[in-house]
Amino acid sequence: MIDSLQEKLEAAHHNVQEKLGREPDGRNAGIGKTENLMAFGAAIAATFLARNALQASWKFALNREPPKNPASSEVDWKDALLWGAVSGACVGMVRIASRRASSSAYRSWRSPVS
């Protein structure tokens, strides 16, 4: 039964891909383990720095600590939503930028100089 469900799911996925005119995406095609590890490390470090900068900015701008747990009932809705939106957007952008920059640096380091 599970095999037939899996076959149906794979067939449906193939049909959707065919109708959309796309092949299954190879998001990390051509990225080696070393490059991926370097990009992951850079993203972790950049995320840590960005969160610390955001916390310091929140303290400076609003003269109070940022919410440690925005889901807590002790945190105002306004603060919880503002912190979630700002920190999520900023940290997301920093992670993407750091991964792209580190991958670019790795590729330029690995490419032979002519």
C-alpha atoms as a PDB file:
ATOM      1  CA  MET A   1       0.000   0.000   0.000  1.00  0.00           C
ATOM      2  CA  ILE A   2       2.777   2.433   0.908  1.00  0.00           C
ATOM      3  CA  ASP A   3       4.618   1.567  -2.308  1.00  0.00           C
ATOM      4  CA  SER A   4       1.552   2.337  -4.425  1.00  0.00           C
ATOM      5  CA  LEU A   5       1.048   5.655  -2.609  1.00  0.00           C
ATOM      6  CA  GLN A   6       4.686   6.536  -3.166  1.00  0.00           C
ATOM      7  CA  GLU A   7       4.395   5.669  -6.863  1.00  0.00           C
ATOM      8  CA  LYS A   8       1.279   7.835  -7.173  1.00  0.00           C
ATOM      9  CA  LEU A   9       3.026  10.718  -5.421  1.00  0.00           C
ATOM     10  CA  GLU A  10       6.052  10.427  -7.705  1.00  0.00           C
ATOM     11  CA  ALA A  11       3.799  10.290 -10.782  1.00  0.00           C
ATOM     12  CA  ALA A  12       1.875  13.363  -9.618  1.00  0.00           C
ATOM     13  CA  HIS A  13       5.136  15.220  -8.951  1.00  0.00           C
ATOM     14  CA  HIS A  14       6.412  14.288 -12.419  1.00  0.00           C
ATOM     15  CA  ASN A  15       3.151  15.473 -14.009  1.00  0.00           C
ATOM     16  CA  VAL A  16       3.316  18.815 -12.225  1.00  0.00           C
ATOM     17  CA  GLN A  17       6.947  19.307 -13.241  1.00  0.00           C
ATOM     18  CA  GLU A  18       6.100  18.384 -16.833  1.00  0.00           C
ATOM     19  CA  LYS A  19       3.170  20.813 -16.956  1.00  0.00           C
ATOM     20  CA  LEU A  20       5.287  23.599 -15.511  1.00  0.00           C
ATOM     21  CA  GLY A  21       8.057  22.829 -17.973  1.00  0.00           C
ATOM     22  CA  ARG A  22      10.651  22.464 -15.256  1.00  0.00           C
ATOM     23  CA  GLU A  23      13.078  19.825 -14.312  1.00  0.00           C
ATOM     24  CA  PRO A  24      13.542  19.029 -10.642  1.00  0.00           C
ATOM     25  CA  ASP A  25      15.719  21.803  -9.303  1.00  0.00           C
ATOM     26  CA  GLY A  26      19.355  21.206  -8.515  1.00  0.00           C
ATOM     27  CA  ARG A  27      19.695  24.038  -6.019  1.00  0.00           C
ATOM     28  CA  ASN A  28      23.136  23.018  -4.899  1.00  0.00           C
ATOM     29  CA  ALA A  29      24.348  21.619  -8.208  1.00  0.00           C
ATOM     30  CA  GLY A  30      28.036  22.327  -8.649  1.00  0.00           C
ATOM     31  CA  ILE A  31      28.635  23.270  -5.021  1.00  0.00           C
ATOM     32  CA  GLY A  32      31.243  21.099  -3.359  1.00  0.00           C
ATOM     33  CA  LYS A  33      31.313  20.045   0.261  1.00  0.00           C
ATOM     34  CA  THR A  34      34.131  22.448   1.142  1.00  0.00           C
ATOM     35  CA  GLU A  35      32.364  25.420  -0.404  1.00  0.00           C
ATOM     36  CA  ASN A  36      29.092  24.482   1.270  1.00  0.00           C
ATOM     37  CA  LEU A  37      30.783  24.071   4.654  1.00  0.00           C
ATOM     38  CA  MET A  38      32.535  27.422   4.288  1.00  0.00           C
ATOM     39  CA  ALA A  39      29.259  29.114   3.305  1.00  0.00           C
ATOM     40  CA  PHE A  40      27.462  27.468   6.235  1.00  0.00           C
ATOM     41  CA  GLY A  41      30.128  28.674   8.690  1.00  0.00           C
ATOM     42  CA  ALA A  42      29.983  32.193   7.279  1.00  0.00           C
ATOM     43  CA  ALA A  43      26.179  32.197   7.579  1.00  0.00           C
ATOM     44  CA  ILE A  44      26.332  31.075  11.223  1.00  0.00           C
ATOM     45  CA  ALA A  45      28.887  33.765  12.103  1.00  0.00           C
ATOM     46  CA  ALA A  46      27.009  36.480  10.209  1.00  0.00           C
ATOM     47  CA  THR A  47      23.719  35.471  11.838  1.00  0.00           C
ATOM     48  CA  PHE A  48      25.292  35.719  15.302  1.00  0.00           C
ATOM     49  CA  LEU A  49      26.701  39.175  14.529  1.00  0.00           C
ATOM     50  CA  ALA A  50      23.444  40.381  12.984  1.00  0.00           C
ATOM     51  CA  ARG A  51      21.353  39.270  15.966  1.00  0.00           C
ATOM     52  CA  ASN A  52      23.735  40.997  18.380  1.00  0.00           C
ATOM     53  CA  ALA A  53      23.635  44.177  16.268  1.00  0.00           C
ATOM     54  CA  LEU A  54      19.827  44.046  16.151  1.00  0.00           C
ATOM     55  CA  GLN A  55      19.602  43.600  19.915  1.00  0.00           C
ATOM     56  CA  ALA A  56      21.950  46.544  20.483  1.00  0.00           C
ATOM     57  CA  SER A  57      19.978  48.666  17.999  1.00  0.00           C
ATOM     58  CA  TRP A  58      16.693  47.793  19.715  1.00  0.00           C
ATOM     59  CA  LYS A  59      18.147  48.774  23.107  1.00  0.00           C
ATOM     60  CA  PHE A  60      19.509  52.047  21.713  1.00  0.00           C
ATOM     61  CA  ALA A  61      16.372  53.020  19.778  1.00  0.00           C
ATOM     62  CA  LEU A  62      13.723  51.973  22.295  1.00  0.00           C
ATOM     63  CA  ASN A  63      15.702  52.130  25.545  1.00  0.00           C
ATOM     64  CA  ARG A  64      14.593  48.640  26.594  1.00  0.00           C
ATOM     65  CA  GLU A  65      15.601  45.025  26.075  1.00  0.00           C
ATOM     66  CA  PRO A  66      14.308  43.221  22.983  1.00  0.00           C
ATOM     67  CA  PRO A  67      11.885  40.366  23.681  1.00  0.00           C
ATOM     68  CA  LYS A  68      13.713  37.141  24.506  1.00  0.00           C
ATOM     69  CA  ASN A  69      10.605  35.066  23.720  1.00  0.00           C
ATOM     70  CA  PRO A  70       8.190  36.975  21.475  1.00  0.00           C
ATOM     71  CA  ALA A  71       5.611  34.186  21.905  1.00  0.00           C
ATOM     72  CA  SER A  72       5.386  34.836  25.644  1.00  0.00           C
ATOM     73  CA  SER A  73       2.140  36.339  26.913  1.00  0.00           C
ATOM     74  CA  GLU A  74       4.204  38.834  28.897  1.00  0.00           C
ATOM     75  CA  VAL A  75       5.411  40.507  25.677  1.00  0.00           C
ATOM     76  CA  ASP A  76       3.180  43.119  24.030  1.00  0.00           C
ATOM     77  CA  TRP A  77       1.817  42.107  20.634  1.00  0.00           C
ATOM     78  CA  LYS A  78       3.340  45.203  19.045  1.00  0.00           C
ATOM     79  CA  ASP A  79       6.817  44.378  20.359  1.00  0.00           C
ATOM     80  CA  ALA A  80       6.509  40.700  19.494  1.00  0.00           C
ATOM     81  CA  LEU A  81       5.423  41.352  15.910  1.00  0.00           C
ATOM     82  CA  LEU A  82       7.924  44.159  15.382  1.00  0.00           C
ATOM     83  CA  TRP A  83      10.815  42.086  16.728  1.00  0.00           C
ATOM     84  CA  GLY A  84       9.776  39.059  14.682  1.00  0.00           C
ATOM     85  CA  ALA A  85       9.460  41.021  11.453  1.00  0.00           C
ATOM     86  CA  VAL A  86      12.640  43.052  11.823  1.00  0.00           C
ATOM     87  CA  SER A  87      14.859  40.271  13.137  1.00  0.00           C
ATOM     88  CA  GLY A  88      13.516  37.713  10.666  1.00  0.00           C
ATOM     89  CA  ALA A  89      14.017  39.969   7.654  1.00  0.00           C
ATOM     90  CA  CYS A  90      17.450  41.216   8.699  1.00  0.00           C
ATOM     91  CA  VAL A  91      18.829  37.840   9.726  1.00  0.00           C
ATOM     92  CA  GLY A  92      17.467  36.239   6.564  1.00  0.00           C
ATOM     93  CA  MET A  93      19.102  38.843   4.336  1.00  0.00           C
ATOM     94  CA  VAL A  94      22.401  38.601   6.211  1.00  0.00           C
ATOM     95  CA  ARG A  95      22.444  34.802   5.909  1.00  0.00           C
ATOM     96  CA  ILE A  96      21.829  34.926   2.165  1.00  0.00           C
ATOM     97  CA  ALA A  97      24.401  37.674   1.618  1.00  0.00           C
ATOM     98  CA  SER A  98      27.038  35.876   3.690  1.00  0.00           C
ATOM     99  CA  ARG A  99      26.507  32.563   1.893  1.00  0.00           C
ATOM    100  CA  ARG A 100      26.730  34.220  -1.511  1.00  0.00           C
ATOM    101  CA  ALA A 101      29.792  36.260  -0.557  1.00  0.00           C
ATOM    102  CA  SER A 102      31.612  33.267   0.906  1.00  0.00           C
ATOM    103  CA  SER A 103      30.785  31.122  -2.139  1.00  0.00           C
ATOM    104  CA  SER A 104      32.013  33.871  -4.431  1.00  0.00           C
ATOM    105  CA  ALA A 105      35.217  34.232  -2.411  1.00  0.00           C
ATOM    106  CA  TYR A 106      35.749  30.475  -2.452  1.00  0.00           C
ATOM    107  CA  ARG A 107      35.270  30.278  -6.216  1.00  0.00           C
ATOM    108  CA  SER A 108      37.665  33.157  -6.872  1.00  0.00           C
ATOM    109  CA  TRP A 109      40.212  31.539  -4.554  1.00  0.00           C
ATOM    110  CA  ARG A 110      39.836  28.166  -6.325  1.00  0.00           C
ATOM    111  CA  SER A 111      39.910  29.507  -9.890  1.00  0.00           C
ATOM    112  CA  PRO A 112      43.330  29.583 -11.529  1.00  0.00           C
ATOM    113  CA  VAL A 113      44.846  32.987 -12.104  1.00  0.00           C
ATOM    114  CA  SER A 114      45.667  33.575 -15.774  1.00  0.00           C
END
